[in-house]
């Protein structure tokens, strides 16, 4: 898929399409009213806690763990859901990371093998969306803040652990 294709606005998914990718989420968890709240200075703290829990569960299998999305921007109203980007060697190789995440309380909610191999988990006690992608997937770059490239972020993460 080209970058231009990935930015096209597509039709909303049908109920059948949602049913095919939904794994552990009830339909009510995937639809409903979107609520925005004022920026919460506790969001980075919640991310740090989840990051540590994920790192403890996966060890070196977690190539990168990043806080992404609107809750990263101080002062910006956002949905009160912490978005986390998890980079693993291969998101399709679920046996290499899924059991450890499940043991730590994460629930696989969405499996999208045809869209960047995306997997999305919900957290055990914090409202998060944990997005898992394979190491070199182009979607990683799009999710990261534009001030740093994905390769720089991954390099920083690998050398700082």
Foldseek 3Di string as FASTA:
>chain_A
DDPVVVPDDDDDDDPVRLVVFFDPDDVVVVDDDFDWDWQDPCLVVVLVVVVVLLCVLQPVQFLAKDFFDDNVDHGGIDRQATEIETEGQALVPCVNRVVSQVVSQWDFTGADCPPQRWTWIAHRPGRYTYIYHHDPGPVQQVGDPPVDGPVVRSVVVNVVD
